[in-house]
Amino acid sequence: MPEADPNRLVHCIKLDRELPGLTKPPFPNEMGQLVFEKVSKEGWDLWLQESVRYINTYRVDLSSRDGAEFMMKQLRIWMGLEEGDLAATAWTAPTE
């Protein structure tokens, strides 16, 4: 998991709180910069957990253009930056 920068607070658009941000953008592109500026380390950790469900359900190849585009679309929807429904995953919450 990436490290938090305790000296840099961001207003996390996912958690709606001021929290420590990431130490650097997670991707070397515009989306990575947007995540760096608007998502906290805690929020990013939630996405990393969620993203595994998509990768496993759809057997996403992140090295392929289609796989990367699919994951970026899910990330934009998850962050609330794009309208739409998140893709269904095979994961189900444990029952008590």
PDB file of N, CA and C in Angstrom:
ATOM      1  N   MET A   1       0.840  -1.176   0.000  1.00  0.00           N
ATOM      2  CA  MET A   1       0.000   0.000   0.000  1.00  0.00           C
ATOM      3  C   MET A   1       0.890   1.246   0.000  1.00  0.00           C
ATOM      4  N   PRO A   2       0.469   2.266  -0.722  1.00  0.00           N
ATOM      5  CA  PRO A   2       1.247   3.507  -0.744  1.00  0.00           C
ATOM      6  C   PRO A   2       1.250   4.169   0.633  1.00  0.00           C
ATOM      7  N   GLU A   3       2.223   5.020   0.850  1.00  0.00           N
ATOM      8  CA  GLU A   3       2.337   5.723   2.125  1.00  0.00           C
ATOM      9  C   GLU A   3       1.559   7.028   2.102  1.00  0.00           C
ATOM     10  N   ALA A   4       1.171   7.450   3.303  1.00  0.00           N
ATOM     11  CA  ALA A   4       0.506   8.739   3.456  1.00  0.00           C
ATOM     12  C   ALA A   4       1.550   9.808   3.712  1.00  0.00           C
ATOM     13  N   ASP A   5       1.234  11.010   3.299  1.00  0.00           N
ATOM     14  CA  ASP A   5       2.075  12.172   3.590  1.00  0.00           C
ATOM     15  C   ASP A   5       1.383  12.954   4.710  1.00  0.00           C
ATOM     16  N   PRO A   6       1.827  12.779   5.954  1.00  0.00           N
ATOM     17  CA  PRO A   6       1.141  13.441   7.075  1.00  0.00           C
ATOM     18  C   PRO A   6       1.217  14.965   7.020  1.00  0.00           C
ATOM     19  N   ASN A   7       2.110  15.508   6.204  1.00  0.00           N
ATOM     20  CA  ASN A   7       2.250  16.959   6.080  1.00  0.00           C
ATOM     21  C   ASN A   7       1.373  17.559   4.994  1.00  0.00           C
ATOM     22  N   ARG A   8       0.660  16.700   4.255  1.00  0.00           N
ATOM     23  CA  ARG A   8      -0.179  17.188   3.147  1.00  0.00           C
ATOM     24  C   ARG A   8      -1.599  16.681   3.336  1.00  0.00           C
ATOM     25  N   LEU A   9      -2.502  17.574   3.696  1.00  0.00           N
ATOM     26  CA  LEU A   9      -3.900  17.197   3.872  1.00  0.00           C
ATOM     27  C   LEU A   9      -4.671  17.504   2.602  1.00  0.00           C
ATOM     28  N   VAL A  10      -5.610  16.626   2.281  1.00  0.00           N
ATOM     29  CA  VAL A  10      -6.515  16.839   1.153  1.00  0.00           C
ATOM     30  C   VAL A  10      -7.940  16.669   1.656  1.00  0.00           C
ATOM     31  N   HIS A  11      -8.860  17.353   1.012  1.00  0.00           N
ATOM     32  CA  HIS A  11     -10.268  17.088   1.306  1.00  0.00           C
ATOM     33  C   HIS A  11     -10.667  15.935   0.396  1.00  0.00           C
ATOM     34  N   CYS A  12     -10.771  14.755   0.987  1.00  0.00           N
ATOM     35  CA  CYS A  12     -11.028  13.531   0.225  1.00  0.00           C
ATOM     36  C   CYS A  12     -12.448  13.543  -0.339  1.00  0.00           C
ATOM     37  N   ILE A  13     -12.561  13.448  -1.660  1.00  0.00           N
ATOM     38  CA  ILE A  13     -13.886  13.468  -2.282  1.00  0.00           C
ATOM     39  C   ILE A  13     -14.650  12.178  -2.016  1.00  0.00           C
ATOM     40  N   LYS A  14     -13.973  11.128  -1.630  1.00  0.00           N
ATOM     41  CA  LYS A  14     -14.645   9.860  -1.326  1.00  0.00           C
ATOM     42  C   LYS A  14     -15.139   9.829   0.118  1.00  0.00           C
ATOM     43  N   LEU A  15     -14.333  10.299   1.065  1.00  0.00           N
ATOM     44  CA  LEU A  15     -14.678  10.213   2.480  1.00  0.00           C
ATOM     45  C   LEU A  15     -15.210  11.531   3.051  1.00  0.00           C
ATOM     46  N   ASP A  16     -15.157  12.607   2.245  1.00  0.00           N
ATOM     47  CA  ASP A  16     -15.661  13.927   2.629  1.00  0.00           C
ATOM     48  C   ASP A  16     -15.069  14.412   3.945  1.00  0.00           C
ATOM     49  N   ARG A  17     -13.727  14.254   4.074  1.00  0.00           N
ATOM     50  CA  ARG A  17     -13.007  14.708   5.265  1.00  0.00           C
ATOM     51  C   ARG A  17     -11.617  15.160   4.867  1.00  0.00           C
ATOM     52  N   GLU A  18     -11.033  16.017   5.702  1.00  0.00           N
ATOM     53  CA  GLU A  18      -9.633  16.406   5.531  1.00  0.00           C
ATOM     54  C   GLU A  18      -8.771  15.299   6.112  1.00  0.00           C
ATOM     55  N   LEU A  19      -7.947  14.688   5.267  1.00  0.00           N
ATOM     56  CA  LEU A  19      -7.111  13.563   5.679  1.00  0.00           C
ATOM     57  C   LEU A  19      -5.755  13.647   5.001  1.00  0.00           C
ATOM     58  N   PRO A  20      -4.755  12.958   5.542  1.00  0.00           N
ATOM     59  CA  PRO A  20      -3.456  12.923   4.866  1.00  0.00           C
ATOM     60  C   PRO A  20      -3.585  12.352   3.452  1.00  0.00           C
ATOM     61  N   GLY A  21      -2.885  12.987   2.526  1.00  0.00           N
ATOM     62  CA  GLY A  21      -2.916  12.558   1.134  1.00  0.00           C
ATOM     63  C   GLY A  21      -1.804  11.573   0.832  1.00  0.00           C
ATOM     64  N   LEU A  22      -1.732  11.168  -0.425  1.00  0.00           N
ATOM     65  CA  LEU A  22      -0.674  10.279  -0.894  1.00  0.00           C
ATOM     66  C   LEU A  22       0.644  11.054  -1.001  1.00  0.00           C
ATOM     67  N   THR A  23       1.737  10.336  -1.011  1.00  0.00           N
ATOM     68  CA  THR A  23       3.041  10.991  -1.149  1.00  0.00           C
ATOM     69  C   THR A  23       3.344  11.354  -2.595  1.00  0.00           C
ATOM     70  N   LYS A  24       2.700  10.660  -3.542  1.00  0.00           N
ATOM     71  CA  LYS A  24       2.897  10.958  -4.963  1.00  0.00           C
ATOM     72  C   LYS A  24       1.693  10.451  -5.752  1.00  0.00           C
ATOM     73  N   PRO A  25       1.475  10.947  -6.962  1.00  0.00           N
ATOM     74  CA  PRO A  25       0.365  10.458  -7.776  1.00  0.00           C
ATOM     75  C   PRO A  25       0.512   8.963  -8.065  1.00  0.00           C
ATOM     76  N   PRO A  26      -0.597   8.217  -8.041  1.00  0.00           N
ATOM     77  CA  PRO A  26      -0.518   6.783  -8.275  1.00  0.00           C
ATOM     78  C   PRO A  26      -0.290   6.391  -9.738  1.00  0.00           C
ATOM     79  N   PHE A  27      -0.553   7.302 -10.660  1.00  0.00           N
ATOM     80  CA  PHE A  27      -0.354   7.050 -12.090  1.00  0.00           C
ATOM     81  C   PHE A  27       0.355   8.256 -12.701  1.00  0.00           C
ATOM     82  N   PRO A  28       1.153   8.039 -13.736  1.00  0.00           N
ATOM     83  CA  PRO A  28       1.852   9.161 -14.378  1.00  0.00           C
ATOM     84  C   PRO A  28       1.011   9.822 -15.469  1.00  0.00           C
ATOM     85  N   ASN A  29      -0.225  10.205 -15.095  1.00  0.00           N
ATOM     86  CA  ASN A  29      -1.105  10.836 -16.079  1.00  0.00           C
ATOM     87  C   ASN A  29      -2.056  11.794 -15.353  1.00  0.00           C
ATOM     88  N   GLU A  30      -2.975  12.355 -16.100  1.00  0.00           N
ATOM     89  CA  GLU A  30      -3.919  13.330 -15.553  1.00  0.00           C
ATOM     90  C   GLU A  30      -4.777  12.720 -14.442  1.00  0.00           C
ATOM     91  N   MET A  31      -5.204  11.464 -14.626  1.00  0.00           N
ATOM     92  CA  MET A  31      -6.023  10.802 -13.607  1.00  0.00           C
ATOM     93  C   MET A  31      -5.220  10.620 -12.316  1.00  0.00           C
ATOM     94  N   GLY A  32      -3.962  10.261 -12.434  1.00  0.00           N
ATOM     95  CA  GLY A  32      -3.110  10.112 -11.263  1.00  0.00           C
ATOM     96  C   GLY A  32      -2.978  11.418 -10.498  1.00  0.00           C
ATOM     97  N   GLN A  33      -2.858  12.518 -11.220  1.00  0.00           N
ATOM     98  CA  GLN A  33      -2.759  13.835 -10.581  1.00  0.00           C
ATOM     99  C   GLN A  33      -4.063  14.191  -9.882  1.00  0.00           C
ATOM    100  N   LEU A  34      -5.182  13.862 -10.510  1.00  0.00           N
ATOM    101  CA  LEU A  34      -6.490  14.127  -9.909  1.00  0.00           C
ATOM    102  C   LEU A  34      -6.655  13.335  -8.612  1.00  0.00           C
ATOM    103  N   VAL A  35      -6.276  12.066  -8.624  1.00  0.00           N
ATOM    104  CA  VAL A  35      -6.339  11.238  -7.413  1.00  0.00           C
ATOM    105  C   VAL A  35      -5.435  11.856  -6.341  1.00  0.00           C
ATOM    106  N   PHE A  36      -4.240  12.235  -6.721  1.00  0.00           N
ATOM    107  CA  PHE A  36      -3.276  12.834  -5.790  1.00  0.00           C
ATOM    108  C   PHE A  36      -3.857  14.073  -5.107  1.00  0.00           C
ATOM    109  N   GLU A  37      -4.577  14.881  -5.862  1.00  0.00           N
ATOM    110  CA  GLU A  37      -5.109  16.138  -5.347  1.00  0.00           C
ATOM    111  C   GLU A  37      -6.409  15.986  -4.574  1.00  0.00           C
ATOM    112  N   LYS A  38      -7.203  14.935  -4.876  1.00  0.00           N
ATOM    113  CA  LYS A  38      -8.564  14.870  -4.345  1.00  0.00           C
ATOM    114  C   LYS A  38      -8.899  13.624  -3.527  1.00  0.00           C
ATOM    115  N   VAL A  39      -7.978  12.680  -3.410  1.00  0.00           N
ATOM    116  CA  VAL A  39      -8.267  11.450  -2.666  1.00  0.00           C
ATOM    117  C   VAL A  39      -7.207  11.269  -1.580  1.00  0.00           C
ATOM    118  N   SER A  40      -7.663  10.961  -0.377  1.00  0.00           N
ATOM    119  CA  SER A  40      -6.749  10.743   0.741  1.00  0.00           C
ATOM    120  C   SER A  40      -6.101   9.365   0.635  1.00  0.00           C
ATOM    121  N   LYS A  41      -5.086   9.169   1.432  1.00  0.00           N
ATOM    122  CA  LYS A  41      -4.431   7.861   1.510  1.00  0.00           C
ATOM    123  C   LYS A  41      -5.450   6.813   1.951  1.00  0.00           C
ATOM    124  N   GLU A  42      -6.274   7.143   2.934  1.00  0.00           N
ATOM    125  CA  GLU A  42      -7.307   6.215   3.414  1.00  0.00           C
ATOM    126  C   GLU A  42      -8.310   5.895   2.298  1.00  0.00           C
ATOM    127  N   GLY A  43      -8.735   6.913   1.561  1.00  0.00           N
ATOM    128  CA  GLY A  43      -9.644   6.697   0.439  1.00  0.00           C
ATOM    129  C   GLY A  43      -9.007   5.842  -0.640  1.00  0.00           C
ATOM    130  N   TRP A  44      -7.723   6.073  -0.933  1.00  0.00           N
ATOM    131  CA  TRP A  44      -7.021   5.305  -1.951  1.00  0.00           C
ATOM    132  C   TRP A  44      -6.903   3.837  -1.539  1.00  0.00           C
ATOM    133  N   ASP A  45      -6.667   3.595  -0.258  1.00  0.00           N
ATOM    134  CA  ASP A  45      -6.607   2.212   0.229  1.00  0.00           C
ATOM    135  C   ASP A  45      -7.941   1.497   0.010  1.00  0.00           C
ATOM    136  N   LEU A  46      -9.053   2.228   0.203  1.00  0.00           N
ATOM    137  CA  LEU A  46     -10.368   1.634  -0.059  1.00  0.00           C
ATOM    138  C   LEU A  46     -10.502   1.253  -1.530  1.00  0.00           C
ATOM    139  N   TRP A  47     -10.024   2.136  -2.425  1.00  0.00           N
ATOM    140  CA  TRP A  47     -10.082   1.824  -3.850  1.00  0.00           C
ATOM    141  C   TRP A  47      -9.230   0.601  -4.176  1.00  0.00           C
ATOM    142  N   LEU A  48      -8.057   0.508  -3.602  1.00  0.00           N
ATOM    143  CA  LEU A  48      -7.190  -0.642  -3.882  1.00  0.00           C
ATOM    144  C   LEU A  48      -7.868  -1.944  -3.472  1.00  0.00           C
ATOM    145  N   GLN A  49      -8.569  -1.944  -2.358  1.00  0.00           N
ATOM    146  CA  GLN A  49      -9.311  -3.134  -1.944  1.00  0.00           C
ATOM    147  C   GLN A  49     -10.443  -3.441  -2.923  1.00  0.00           C
ATOM    148  N   GLU A  50     -11.160  -2.402  -3.316  1.00  0.00           N
ATOM    149  CA  GLU A  50     -12.277  -2.568  -4.252  1.00  0.00           C
ATOM    150  C   GLU A  50     -11.784  -3.021  -5.624  1.00  0.00           C
ATOM    151  N   SER A  51     -10.669  -2.470  -6.066  1.00  0.00           N
ATOM    152  CA  SER A  51     -10.179  -2.778  -7.421  1.00  0.00           C
ATOM    153  C   SER A  51      -9.827  -4.256  -7.584  1.00  0.00           C
ATOM    154  N   VAL A  52      -9.402  -4.895  -6.511  1.00  0.00           N
ATOM    155  CA  VAL A  52      -9.075  -6.334  -6.579  1.00  0.00           C
ATOM    156  C   VAL A  52     -10.306  -7.133  -6.984  1.00  0.00           C
ATOM    157  N   ARG A  53     -11.465  -6.714  -6.549  1.00  0.00           N
ATOM    158  CA  ARG A  53     -12.711  -7.420  -6.897  1.00  0.00           C
ATOM    159  C   ARG A  53     -12.973  -7.370  -8.402  1.00  0.00           C
ATOM    160  N   TYR A  54     -12.704  -6.217  -9.013  1.00  0.00           N
ATOM    161  CA  TYR A  54     -12.890  -6.097 -10.458  1.00  0.00           C
ATOM    162  C   TYR A  54     -11.857  -6.933 -11.203  1.00  0.00           C
ATOM    163  N   ILE A  55     -10.633  -6.838 -10.745  1.00  0.00           N
ATOM    164  CA  ILE A  55      -9.556  -7.585 -11.403  1.00  0.00           C
ATOM    165  C   ILE A  55      -9.843  -9.082 -11.356  1.00  0.00           C
ATOM    166  N   ASN A  56     -10.272  -9.569 -10.212  1.00  0.00           N
ATOM    167  CA  ASN A  56     -10.552 -10.997 -10.083  1.00  0.00           C
ATOM    168  C   ASN A  56     -11.807 -11.422 -10.836  1.00  0.00           C
ATOM    169  N   THR A  57     -12.886 -10.656 -10.731  1.00  0.00           N
ATOM    170  CA  THR A  57     -14.141 -11.020 -11.386  1.00  0.00           C
ATOM    171  C   THR A  57     -14.000 -11.029 -12.908  1.00  0.00           C
ATOM    172  N   TYR A  58     -13.364 -10.002 -13.439  1.00  0.00           N
ATOM    173  CA  TYR A  58     -13.271  -9.850 -14.897  1.00  0.00           C
ATOM    174  C   TYR A  58     -11.920 -10.283 -15.458  1.00  0.00           C
ATOM    175  N   ARG A  59     -11.051 -10.807 -14.599  1.00  0.00           N
ATOM    176  CA  ARG A  59      -9.711 -11.240 -15.009  1.00  0.00           C
ATOM    177  C   ARG A  59      -9.029 -10.135 -15.822  1.00  0.00           C
ATOM    178  N   VAL A  60      -9.055  -8.954 -15.234  1.00  0.00           N
ATOM    179  CA  VAL A  60      -8.536  -7.756 -15.902  1.00  0.00           C
ATOM    180  C   VAL A  60      -7.025  -7.851 -16.053  1.00  0.00           C
ATOM    181  N   ASP A  61      -6.570  -7.652 -17.270  1.00  0.00           N
ATOM    182  CA  ASP A  61      -5.144  -7.577 -17.565  1.00  0.00           C
ATOM    183  C   ASP A  61      -4.774  -6.095 -17.569  1.00  0.00           C
ATOM    184  N   LEU A  62      -4.155  -5.652 -16.493  1.00  0.00           N
ATOM    185  CA  LEU A  62      -3.840  -4.226 -16.371  1.00  0.00           C
ATOM    186  C   LEU A  62      -2.779  -3.769 -17.355  1.00  0.00           C
ATOM    187  N   SER A  63      -2.079  -4.700 -17.975  1.00  0.00           N
ATOM    188  CA  SER A  63      -1.078  -4.309 -18.971  1.00  0.00           C
ATOM    189  C   SER A  63      -1.703  -4.074 -20.346  1.00  0.00           C
ATOM    190  N   SER A  64      -2.977  -4.445 -20.505  1.00  0.00           N
ATOM    191  CA  SER A  64      -3.642  -4.219 -21.792  1.00  0.00           C
ATOM    192  C   SER A  64      -4.383  -2.888 -21.769  1.00  0.00           C
ATOM    193  N   ARG A  65      -4.552  -2.302 -22.924  1.00  0.00           N
ATOM    194  CA  ARG A  65      -5.270  -1.031 -23.036  1.00  0.00           C
ATOM    195  C   ARG A  65      -6.713  -1.181 -22.560  1.00  0.00           C
ATOM    196  N   ASP A  66      -7.383  -2.267 -22.975  1.00  0.00           N
ATOM    197  CA  ASP A  66      -8.771  -2.492 -22.563  1.00  0.00           C
ATOM    198  C   ASP A  66      -8.888  -2.640 -21.053  1.00  0.00           C
ATOM    199  N   GLY A  67      -7.973  -3.385 -20.454  1.00  0.00           N
ATOM    200  CA  GLY A  67      -8.000  -3.580 -19.008  1.00  0.00           C
ATOM    201  C   GLY A  67      -7.787  -2.286 -18.253  1.00  0.00           C
ATOM    202  N   ALA A  68      -6.809  -1.512 -18.700  1.00  0.00           N
ATOM    203  CA  ALA A  68      -6.522  -0.228 -18.052  1.00  0.00           C
ATOM    204  C   ALA A  68      -7.698   0.729 -18.200  1.00  0.00           C
ATOM    205  N   GLU A  69      -8.310   0.785 -19.382  1.00  0.00           N
ATOM    206  CA  GLU A  69      -9.460   1.668 -19.598  1.00  0.00           C
ATOM    207  C   GLU A  69     -10.640   1.247 -18.733  1.00  0.00           C
ATOM    208  N   PHE A  70     -10.885  -0.061 -18.621  1.00  0.00           N
ATOM    209  CA  PHE A  70     -11.966  -0.570 -17.779  1.00  0.00           C
ATOM    210  C   PHE A  70     -11.755  -0.116 -16.330  1.00  0.00           C
ATOM    211  N   MET A  71     -10.541  -0.291 -15.826  1.00  0.00           N
ATOM    212  CA  MET A  71     -10.268   0.063 -14.439  1.00  0.00           C
ATOM    213  C   MET A  71     -10.338   1.571 -14.220  1.00  0.00           C
ATOM    214  N   MET A  72      -9.887   2.364 -15.170  1.00  0.00           N
ATOM    215  CA  MET A  72      -9.971   3.820 -15.030  1.00  0.00           C
ATOM    216  C   MET A  72     -11.433   4.269 -15.008  1.00  0.00           C
ATOM    217  N   LYS A  73     -12.267   3.627 -15.823  1.00  0.00           N
ATOM    218  CA  LYS A  73     -13.693   3.958 -15.825  1.00  0.00           C
ATOM    219  C   LYS A  73     -14.316   3.617 -14.472  1.00  0.00           C
ATOM    220  N   GLN A  74     -14.004   2.457 -13.935  1.00  0.00           N
ATOM    221  CA  GLN A  74     -14.536   2.079 -12.622  1.00  0.00           C
ATOM    222  C   GLN A  74     -14.055   3.054 -11.549  1.00  0.00           C
ATOM    223  N   LEU A  75     -12.801   3.468 -11.630  1.00  0.00           N
ATOM    224  CA  LEU A  75     -12.256   4.424 -10.669  1.00  0.00           C
ATOM    225  C   LEU A  75     -12.983   5.763 -10.763  1.00  0.00           C
ATOM    226  N   ARG A  76     -13.222   6.247 -11.975  1.00  0.00           N
ATOM    227  CA  ARG A  76     -13.923   7.533 -12.137  1.00  0.00           C
ATOM    228  C   ARG A  76     -15.340   7.453 -11.557  1.00  0.00           C
ATOM    229  N   ILE A  77     -16.035   6.344 -11.803  1.00  0.00           N
ATOM    230  CA  ILE A  77     -17.386   6.178 -11.256  1.00  0.00           C
ATOM    231  C   ILE A  77     -17.314   6.076  -9.736  1.00  0.00           C
ATOM    232  N   TRP A  78     -16.378   5.277  -9.224  1.00  0.00           N
ATOM    233  CA  TRP A  78     -16.224   5.086  -7.778  1.00  0.00           C
ATOM    234  C   TRP A  78     -15.941   6.413  -7.074  1.00  0.00           C
ATOM    235  N   MET A  79     -15.151   7.271  -7.708  1.00  0.00           N
ATOM    236  CA  MET A  79     -14.815   8.579  -7.136  1.00  0.00           C
ATOM    237  C   MET A  79     -15.950   9.582  -7.281  1.00  0.00           C
ATOM    238  N   GLY A  80     -16.959   9.265  -8.088  1.00  0.00           N
ATOM    239  CA  GLY A  80     -18.058  10.196  -8.309  1.00  0.00           C
ATOM    240  C   GLY A  80     -17.765  11.220  -9.377  1.00  0.00           C
ATOM    241  N   LEU A  81     -16.762  10.966 -10.209  1.00  0.00           N
ATOM    242  CA  LEU A  81     -16.395  11.905 -11.269  1.00  0.00           C
ATOM    243  C   LEU A  81     -17.109  11.617 -12.582  1.00  0.00           C
ATOM    244  N   GLU A  82     -17.754  10.467 -12.660  1.00  0.00           N
ATOM    245  CA  GLU A  82     -18.446  10.069 -13.881  1.00  0.00           C
ATOM    246  C   GLU A  82     -19.747   9.391 -13.486  1.00  0.00           C
ATOM    247  N   GLU A  83     -20.796   9.679 -14.235  1.00  0.00           N
ATOM    248  CA  GLU A  83     -22.086   9.037 -14.000  1.00  0.00           C
ATOM    249  C   GLU A  83     -22.017   7.592 -14.462  1.00  0.00           C
ATOM    250  N   GLY A  84     -22.795   6.756 -13.836  1.00  0.00           N
ATOM    251  CA  GLY A  84     -22.883   5.364 -14.255  1.00  0.00           C
ATOM    252  C   GLY A  84     -22.885   4.441 -13.060  1.00  0.00           C
ATOM    253  N   ASP A  85     -23.064   3.173 -13.355  1.00  0.00           N
ATOM    254  CA  ASP A  85     -23.066   2.146 -12.325  1.00  0.00           C
ATOM    255  C   ASP A  85     -21.744   1.409 -12.358  1.00  0.00           C
ATOM    256  N   LEU A  86     -21.254   1.086 -11.182  1.00  0.00           N
ATOM    257  CA  LEU A  86     -20.053   0.262 -11.111  1.00  0.00           C
ATOM    258  C   LEU A  86     -20.378  -1.125 -11.638  1.00  0.00           C
ATOM    259  N   ALA A  87     -19.410  -1.751 -12.261  1.00  0.00           N
ATOM    260  CA  ALA A  87     -19.596  -3.108 -12.761  1.00  0.00           C
ATOM    261  C   ALA A  87     -19.840  -4.044 -11.589  1.00  0.00           C
ATOM    262  N   ALA A  88     -20.691  -5.027 -11.793  1.00  0.00           N
ATOM    263  CA  ALA A  88     -20.960  -6.021 -10.752  1.00  0.00           C
ATOM    264  C   ALA A  88     -19.711  -6.875 -10.540  1.00  0.00           C
ATOM    265  N   THR A  89     -19.539  -7.307  -9.316  1.00  0.00           N
ATOM    266  CA  THR A  89     -18.421  -8.201  -9.025  1.00  0.00           C
ATOM    267  C   THR A  89     -18.964  -9.491  -8.427  1.00  0.00           C
ATOM    268  N   ALA A  90     -18.135 -10.507  -8.371  1.00  0.00           N
ATOM    269  CA  ALA A  90     -18.523 -11.797  -7.808  1.00  0.00           C
ATOM    270  C   ALA A  90     -18.477 -11.780  -6.292  1.00  0.00           C
ATOM    271  N   TRP A  91     -17.917 -10.714  -5.707  1.00  0.00           N
ATOM    272  CA  TRP A  91     -17.765 -10.633  -4.258  1.00  0.00           C
ATOM    273  C   TRP A  91     -19.107 -10.429  -3.582  1.00  0.00           C
ATOM    274  N   THR A  92     -19.334 -11.126  -2.479  1.00  0.00           N
ATOM    275  CA  THR A  92     -20.503 -10.900  -1.650  1.00  0.00           C
ATOM    276  C   THR A  92     -20.043 -10.710  -0.211  1.00  0.00           C
ATOM    277  N   ALA A  93     -20.752  -9.866   0.493  1.00  0.00           N
ATOM    278  CA  ALA A  93     -20.396  -9.590   1.884  1.00  0.00           C
ATOM    279  C   ALA A  93     -20.610 -10.839   2.736  1.00  0.00           C
ATOM    280  N   PRO A  94     -19.731 -11.085   3.691  1.00  0.00           N
ATOM    281  CA  PRO A  94     -19.918 -12.242   4.559  1.00  0.00           C
ATOM    282  C   PRO A  94     -21.198 -12.100   5.386  1.00  0.00           C
ATOM    283  N   THR A  95     -21.852 -13.197   5.631  1.00  0.00           N
ATOM    284  CA  THR A  95     -23.048 -13.180   6.461  1.00  0.00           C
ATOM    285  C   THR A  95     -22.670 -13.541   7.886  1.00  0.00           C
ATOM    286  N   GLU A  96     -23.414 -13.003   8.811  1.00  0.00           N
ATOM    287  CA  GLU A  96     -23.108 -13.266  10.226  1.00  0.00           C
ATOM    288  C   GLU A  96     -23.908 -14.419  10.750  1.00  0.00           C
TER     289      GLU A  96
END
